[in-house]
């Protein structure tokens, strides 16, 4: 099942991923991503874990999405 992720959630994860790669992930960024995932999962009626994994795959491995 493919989950249609909202643009704002993808943008949050991109920010977090950039901070992780730079070694400067902040608590505020991590919290924003977590809360965004939880809110979207509840609203969409899907599992939080599924949303989180789909989001990470879309941001960290976009080439897999294109295949």
PDB file of N, CA and C in Angstrom:
ATOM      1  N   UNK A   1       0.845  -1.190   0.000  1.00  0.00           N
ATOM      2  CA  UNK A   1       0.000   0.000   0.000  1.00  0.00           C
ATOM      3  C   UNK A   1       0.881   1.241   0.000  1.00  0.00           C
ATOM      4  N   UNK A   2       0.726   2.073  -0.997  1.00  0.00           N
ATOM      5  CA  UNK A   2       1.471   3.327  -1.073  1.00  0.00           C
ATOM      6  C   UNK A   2       0.680   4.416  -0.358  1.00  0.00           C
ATOM      7  N   UNK A   3       1.372   5.156   0.478  1.00  0.00           N
ATOM      8  CA  UNK A   3       0.747   6.250   1.212  1.00  0.00           C
ATOM      9  C   UNK A   3       1.128   7.552   0.517  1.00  0.00           C
ATOM     10  N   UNK A   4       0.140   8.361   0.201  1.00  0.00           N
ATOM     11  CA  UNK A   4       0.386   9.669  -0.421  1.00  0.00           C
ATOM     12  C   UNK A   4       0.802  10.642   0.678  1.00  0.00           C
ATOM     13  N   UNK A   5       2.082  10.958   0.720  1.00  0.00           N
ATOM     14  CA  UNK A   5       2.625  11.810   1.772  1.00  0.00           C
ATOM     15  C   UNK A   5       2.458  13.281   1.412  1.00  0.00           C
ATOM     16  N   UNK A   6       2.023  14.104   2.368  1.00  0.00           N
ATOM     17  CA  UNK A   6       1.861  15.535   2.089  1.00  0.00           C
ATOM     18  C   UNK A   6       3.220  16.235   1.955  1.00  0.00           C
ATOM     19  N   UNK A   7       3.235  17.272   1.138  1.00  0.00           N
ATOM     20  CA  UNK A   7       4.467  18.014   0.870  1.00  0.00           C
ATOM     21  C   UNK A   7       5.114  18.572   2.135  1.00  0.00           C
ATOM     22  N   UNK A   8       4.288  19.065   3.072  1.00  0.00           N
ATOM     23  CA  UNK A   8       4.873  19.661   4.280  1.00  0.00           C
ATOM     24  C   UNK A   8       5.617  18.620   5.117  1.00  0.00           C
ATOM     25  N   UNK A   9       5.146  17.384   5.099  1.00  0.00           N
ATOM     26  CA  UNK A   9       5.807  16.314   5.849  1.00  0.00           C
ATOM     27  C   UNK A   9       7.123  15.928   5.171  1.00  0.00           C
ATOM     28  N   UNK A  10       7.130  15.890   3.866  1.00  0.00           N
ATOM     29  CA  UNK A  10       8.360  15.608   3.123  1.00  0.00           C
ATOM     30  C   UNK A  10       9.383  16.714   3.373  1.00  0.00           C
ATOM     31  N   UNK A  11       8.938  17.962   3.404  1.00  0.00           N
ATOM     32  CA  UNK A  11       9.843  19.081   3.669  1.00  0.00           C
ATOM     33  C   UNK A  11      10.446  18.976   5.074  1.00  0.00           C
ATOM     34  N   UNK A  12       9.633  18.602   6.050  1.00  0.00           N
ATOM     35  CA  UNK A  12      10.148  18.429   7.417  1.00  0.00           C
ATOM     36  C   UNK A  12      11.214  17.346   7.465  1.00  0.00           C
ATOM     37  N   UNK A  13      10.953  16.211   6.805  1.00  0.00           N
ATOM     38  CA  UNK A  13      11.923  15.113   6.813  1.00  0.00           C
ATOM     39  C   UNK A  13      13.187  15.505   6.066  1.00  0.00           C
ATOM     40  N   UNK A  14      13.068  16.275   5.000  1.00  0.00           N
ATOM     41  CA  UNK A  14      14.265  16.741   4.284  1.00  0.00           C
ATOM     42  C   UNK A  14      15.130  17.622   5.183  1.00  0.00           C
ATOM     43  N   UNK A  15      14.478  18.478   5.956  1.00  0.00           N
ATOM     44  CA  UNK A  15      15.217  19.327   6.890  1.00  0.00           C
ATOM     45  C   UNK A  15      15.930  18.472   7.933  1.00  0.00           C
ATOM     46  N   UNK A  16      15.212  17.498   8.492  1.00  0.00           N
ATOM     47  CA  UNK A  16      15.813  16.618   9.495  1.00  0.00           C
ATOM     48  C   UNK A  16      16.972  15.827   8.904  1.00  0.00           C
ATOM     49  N   UNK A  17      16.804  15.306   7.700  1.00  0.00           N
ATOM     50  CA  UNK A  17      17.857  14.514   7.059  1.00  0.00           C
ATOM     51  C   UNK A  17      19.099  15.368   6.807  1.00  0.00           C
ATOM     52  N   UNK A  18      18.908  16.602   6.369  1.00  0.00           N
ATOM     53  CA  UNK A  18      20.042  17.500   6.159  1.00  0.00           C
ATOM     54  C   UNK A  18      20.760  17.772   7.480  1.00  0.00           C
ATOM     55  N   UNK A  19      19.992  17.976   8.544  1.00  0.00           N
ATOM     56  CA  UNK A  19      20.600  18.210   9.859  1.00  0.00           C
ATOM     57  C   UNK A  19      21.344  16.971  10.344  1.00  0.00           C
ATOM     58  N   UNK A  20      20.786  15.798  10.119  1.00  0.00           N
ATOM     59  CA  UNK A  20      21.447  14.549  10.518  1.00  0.00           C
ATOM     60  C   UNK A  20      22.774  14.414   9.782  1.00  0.00           C
ATOM     61  N   UNK A  21      22.754  14.644   8.488  1.00  0.00           N
ATOM     62  CA  UNK A  21      23.973  14.514   7.691  1.00  0.00           C
ATOM     63  C   UNK A  21      25.042  15.519   8.106  1.00  0.00           C
ATOM     64  N   UNK A  22      24.610  16.683   8.566  1.00  0.00           N
ATOM     65  CA  UNK A  22      25.552  17.712   9.017  1.00  0.00           C
ATOM     66  C   UNK A  22      25.957  17.519  10.479  1.00  0.00           C
ATOM     67  N   UNK A  23      25.354  16.532  11.139  1.00  0.00           N
ATOM     68  CA  UNK A  23      25.671  16.277  12.545  1.00  0.00           C
ATOM     69  C   UNK A  23      25.092  17.309  13.487  1.00  0.00           C
ATOM     70  N   UNK A  24      23.955  17.912  13.099  1.00  0.00           N
ATOM     71  CA  UNK A  24      23.376  18.954  13.945  1.00  0.00           C
ATOM     72  C   UNK A  24      21.854  18.870  14.054  1.00  0.00           C
ATOM     73  N   UNK A  25      21.324  17.659  14.115  1.00  0.00           N
ATOM     74  CA  UNK A  25      19.881  17.494  14.293  1.00  0.00           C
ATOM     75  C   UNK A  25      19.471  18.094  15.631  1.00  0.00           C
ATOM     76  N   UNK A  26      18.459  18.957  15.599  1.00  0.00           N
ATOM     77  CA  UNK A  26      17.979  19.580  16.832  1.00  0.00           C
ATOM     78  C   UNK A  26      16.761  18.830  17.365  1.00  0.00           C
ATOM     79  N   UNK A  27      16.530  18.983  18.631  1.00  0.00           N
ATOM     80  CA  UNK A  27      15.361  18.384  19.259  1.00  0.00           C
ATOM     81  C   UNK A  27      14.089  18.956  18.634  1.00  0.00           C
ATOM     82  N   UNK A  28      14.091  20.239  18.356  1.00  0.00           N
ATOM     83  CA  UNK A  28      12.909  20.869  17.756  1.00  0.00           C
ATOM     84  C   UNK A  28      12.572  20.264  16.395  1.00  0.00           C
ATOM     85  N   UNK A  29      13.592  20.028  15.581  1.00  0.00           N
ATOM     86  CA  UNK A  29      13.355  19.430  14.268  1.00  0.00           C
ATOM     87  C   UNK A  29      12.857  17.997  14.411  1.00  0.00           C
ATOM     88  N   UNK A  30      13.511  17.227  15.263  1.00  0.00           N
ATOM     89  CA  UNK A  30      13.101  15.840  15.470  1.00  0.00           C
ATOM     90  C   UNK A  30      11.666  15.770  15.991  1.00  0.00           C
ATOM     91  N   UNK A  31      11.328  16.644  16.912  1.00  0.00           N
ATOM     92  CA  UNK A  31       9.973  16.675  17.460  1.00  0.00           C
ATOM     93  C   UNK A  31       8.951  17.044  16.395  1.00  0.00           C
ATOM     94  N   UNK A  32       9.278  18.025  15.559  1.00  0.00           N
ATOM     95  CA  UNK A  32       8.363  18.448  14.498  1.00  0.00           C
ATOM     96  C   UNK A  32       8.079  17.303  13.532  1.00  0.00           C
ATOM     97  N   UNK A  33       9.105  16.552  13.168  1.00  0.00           N
ATOM     98  CA  UNK A  33       8.912  15.415  12.273  1.00  0.00           C
ATOM     99  C   UNK A  33       8.049  14.359  12.950  1.00  0.00           C
ATOM    100  N   UNK A  34       8.378  14.017  14.192  1.00  0.00           N
ATOM    101  CA  UNK A  34       7.617  13.001  14.910  1.00  0.00           C
ATOM    102  C   UNK A  34       6.141  13.396  15.034  1.00  0.00           C
ATOM    103  N   UNK A  35       5.905  14.628  15.439  1.00  0.00           N
ATOM    104  CA  UNK A  35       4.525  15.080  15.614  1.00  0.00           C
ATOM    105  C   UNK A  35       3.780  15.139  14.278  1.00  0.00           C
ATOM    106  N   UNK A  36       4.488  15.531  13.225  1.00  0.00           N
ATOM    107  CA  UNK A  36       3.876  15.560  11.900  1.00  0.00           C
ATOM    108  C   UNK A  36       3.491  14.168  11.427  1.00  0.00           C
ATOM    109  N   UNK A  37       4.373  13.216  11.653  1.00  0.00           N
ATOM    110  CA  UNK A  37       4.093  11.824  11.285  1.00  0.00           C
ATOM    111  C   UNK A  37       2.901  11.302  12.068  1.00  0.00           C
ATOM    112  N   UNK A  38       2.907  11.520  13.369  1.00  0.00           N
ATOM    113  CA  UNK A  38       1.822  11.022  14.212  1.00  0.00           C
ATOM    114  C   UNK A  38       0.477  11.633  13.825  1.00  0.00           C
ATOM    115  N   UNK A  39       0.454  12.927  13.575  1.00  0.00           N
ATOM    116  CA  UNK A  39      -0.795  13.598  13.209  1.00  0.00           C
ATOM    117  C   UNK A  39      -1.300  13.105  11.860  1.00  0.00           C
ATOM    118  N   UNK A  40      -0.402  12.979  10.884  1.00  0.00           N
ATOM    119  CA  UNK A  40      -0.819  12.507   9.569  1.00  0.00           C
ATOM    120  C   UNK A  40      -1.318  11.068   9.638  1.00  0.00           C
ATOM    121  N   UNK A  41      -0.615  10.220  10.357  1.00  0.00           N
ATOM    122  CA  UNK A  41      -1.017   8.817  10.472  1.00  0.00           C
ATOM    123  C   UNK A  41      -2.412   8.696  11.072  1.00  0.00           C
ATOM    124  N   UNK A  42      -2.667   9.467  12.112  1.00  0.00           N
ATOM    125  CA  UNK A  42      -3.984   9.425  12.744  1.00  0.00           C
ATOM    126  C   UNK A  42      -5.065   9.928  11.792  1.00  0.00           C
ATOM    127  N   UNK A  43      -4.794  11.034  11.119  1.00  0.00           N
ATOM    128  CA  UNK A  43      -5.765  11.621  10.197  1.00  0.00           C
ATOM    129  C   UNK A  43      -6.040  10.697   9.018  1.00  0.00           C
ATOM    130  N   UNK A  44      -4.996  10.035   8.522  1.00  0.00           N
ATOM    131  CA  UNK A  44      -5.136   9.165   7.350  1.00  0.00           C
ATOM    132  C   UNK A  44      -5.599   7.762   7.708  1.00  0.00           C
ATOM    133  N   UNK A  45      -5.581   7.433   8.999  1.00  0.00           N
ATOM    134  CA  UNK A  45      -6.000   6.109   9.427  1.00  0.00           C
ATOM    135  C   UNK A  45      -5.012   5.015   9.057  1.00  0.00           C
ATOM    136  N   UNK A  46      -3.728   5.361   9.071  1.00  0.00           N
ATOM    137  CA  UNK A  46      -2.674   4.386   8.779  1.00  0.00           C
ATOM    138  C   UNK A  46      -1.702   4.339   9.949  1.00  0.00           C
ATOM    139  N   UNK A  47      -0.865   3.328   9.956  1.00  0.00           N
ATOM    140  CA  UNK A  47       0.087   3.166  11.043  1.00  0.00           C
ATOM    141  C   UNK A  47       1.198   4.203  11.000  1.00  0.00           C
ATOM    142  N   UNK A  48       1.580   4.694  12.155  1.00  0.00           N
ATOM    143  CA  UNK A  48       2.661   5.671  12.262  1.00  0.00           C
ATOM    144  C   UNK A  48       3.958   5.111  11.692  1.00  0.00           C
ATOM    145  N   UNK A  49       4.229   3.854  11.978  1.00  0.00           N
ATOM    146  CA  UNK A  49       5.445   3.212  11.484  1.00  0.00           C
ATOM    147  C   UNK A  49       5.461   3.202   9.954  1.00  0.00           C
ATOM    148  N   UNK A  50       4.327   2.883   9.340  1.00  0.00           N
ATOM    149  CA  UNK A  50       4.246   2.853   7.876  1.00  0.00           C
ATOM    150  C   UNK A  50       4.497   4.234   7.275  1.00  0.00           C
ATOM    151  N   UNK A  51       3.954   5.246   7.912  1.00  0.00           N
ATOM    152  CA  UNK A  51       4.174   6.623   7.450  1.00  0.00           C
ATOM    153  C   UNK A  51       5.650   6.981   7.582  1.00  0.00           C
ATOM    154  N   UNK A  52       6.236   6.677   8.729  1.00  0.00           N
ATOM    155  CA  UNK A  52       7.637   7.013   8.964  1.00  0.00           C
ATOM    156  C   UNK A  52       8.558   6.313   7.973  1.00  0.00           C
ATOM    157  N   UNK A  53       8.338   5.034   7.740  1.00  0.00           N
ATOM    158  CA  UNK A  53       9.188   4.301   6.799  1.00  0.00           C
ATOM    159  C   UNK A  53       9.004   4.803   5.368  1.00  0.00           C
ATOM    160  N   UNK A  54       7.778   5.089   4.977  1.00  0.00           N
ATOM    161  CA  UNK A  54       7.530   5.633   3.644  1.00  0.00           C
ATOM    162  C   UNK A  54       8.175   6.989   3.463  1.00  0.00           C
ATOM    163  N   UNK A  55       8.120   7.804   4.501  1.00  0.00           N
ATOM    164  CA  UNK A  55       8.704   9.138   4.457  1.00  0.00           C
ATOM    165  C   UNK A  55      10.221   9.061   4.343  1.00  0.00           C
ATOM    166  N   UNK A  56      10.835   8.216   5.147  1.00  0.00           N
ATOM    167  CA  UNK A  56      12.293   8.067   5.091  1.00  0.00           C
ATOM    168  C   UNK A  56      12.731   7.540   3.732  1.00  0.00           C
ATOM    169  N   UNK A  57      11.988   6.590   3.197  1.00  0.00           N
ATOM    170  CA  UNK A  57      12.321   6.036   1.878  1.00  0.00           C
ATOM    171  C   UNK A  57      12.208   7.126   0.810  1.00  0.00           C
ATOM    172  N   UNK A  58      11.160   7.921   0.865  1.00  0.00           N
ATOM    173  CA  UNK A  58      10.945   8.969  -0.132  1.00  0.00           C
ATOM    174  C   UNK A  58      12.041  10.033  -0.089  1.00  0.00           C
ATOM    175  N   UNK A  59      12.512  10.363   1.112  1.00  0.00           N
ATOM    176  CA  UNK A  59      13.504  11.431   1.256  1.00  0.00           C
ATOM    177  C   UNK A  59      14.935  10.903   1.128  1.00  0.00           C
ATOM    178  N   UNK A  60      15.213   9.778   1.749  1.00  0.00           N
ATOM    179  CA  UNK A  60      16.586   9.286   1.783  1.00  0.00           C
ATOM    180  C   UNK A  60      16.952   8.402   0.601  1.00  0.00           C
ATOM    181  N   UNK A  61      15.959   7.809  -0.039  1.00  0.00           N
ATOM    182  CA  UNK A  61      16.215   6.910  -1.160  1.00  0.00           C
ATOM    183  C   UNK A  61      15.217   7.186  -2.292  1.00  0.00           C
ATOM    184  N   UNK A  62      15.218   8.403  -2.814  1.00  0.00           N
ATOM    185  CA  UNK A  62      14.220   8.747  -3.843  1.00  0.00           C
ATOM    186  C   UNK A  62      14.361   7.920  -5.117  1.00  0.00           C
ATOM    187  N   UNK A  63      15.553   7.397  -5.376  1.00  0.00           N
ATOM    188  CA  UNK A  63      15.744   6.574  -6.572  1.00  0.00           C
ATOM    189  C   UNK A  63      14.904   5.300  -6.506  1.00  0.00           C
ATOM    190  N   UNK A  64      14.631   4.795  -5.320  1.00  0.00           N
ATOM    191  CA  UNK A  64      13.791   3.601  -5.166  1.00  0.00           C
ATOM    192  C   UNK A  64      12.346   3.936  -5.493  1.00  0.00           C
ATOM    193  N   UNK A  65      11.931   5.158  -5.232  1.00  0.00           N
ATOM    194  CA  UNK A  65      10.569   5.580  -5.538  1.00  0.00           C
ATOM    195  C   UNK A  65      10.366   5.709  -7.043  1.00  0.00           C
ATOM    196  N   UNK A  66      11.396   6.099  -7.759  1.00  0.00           N
ATOM    197  CA  UNK A  66      11.309   6.315  -9.198  1.00  0.00           C
ATOM    198  C   UNK A  66      11.274   5.005  -9.978  1.00  0.00           C
ATOM    199  N   UNK A  67      11.794   3.952  -9.377  1.00  0.00           N
ATOM    200  CA  UNK A  67      11.866   2.648 -10.067  1.00  0.00           C
ATOM    201  C   UNK A  67      10.532   1.980 -10.212  1.00  0.00           C
TER     202      UNK A  67
END
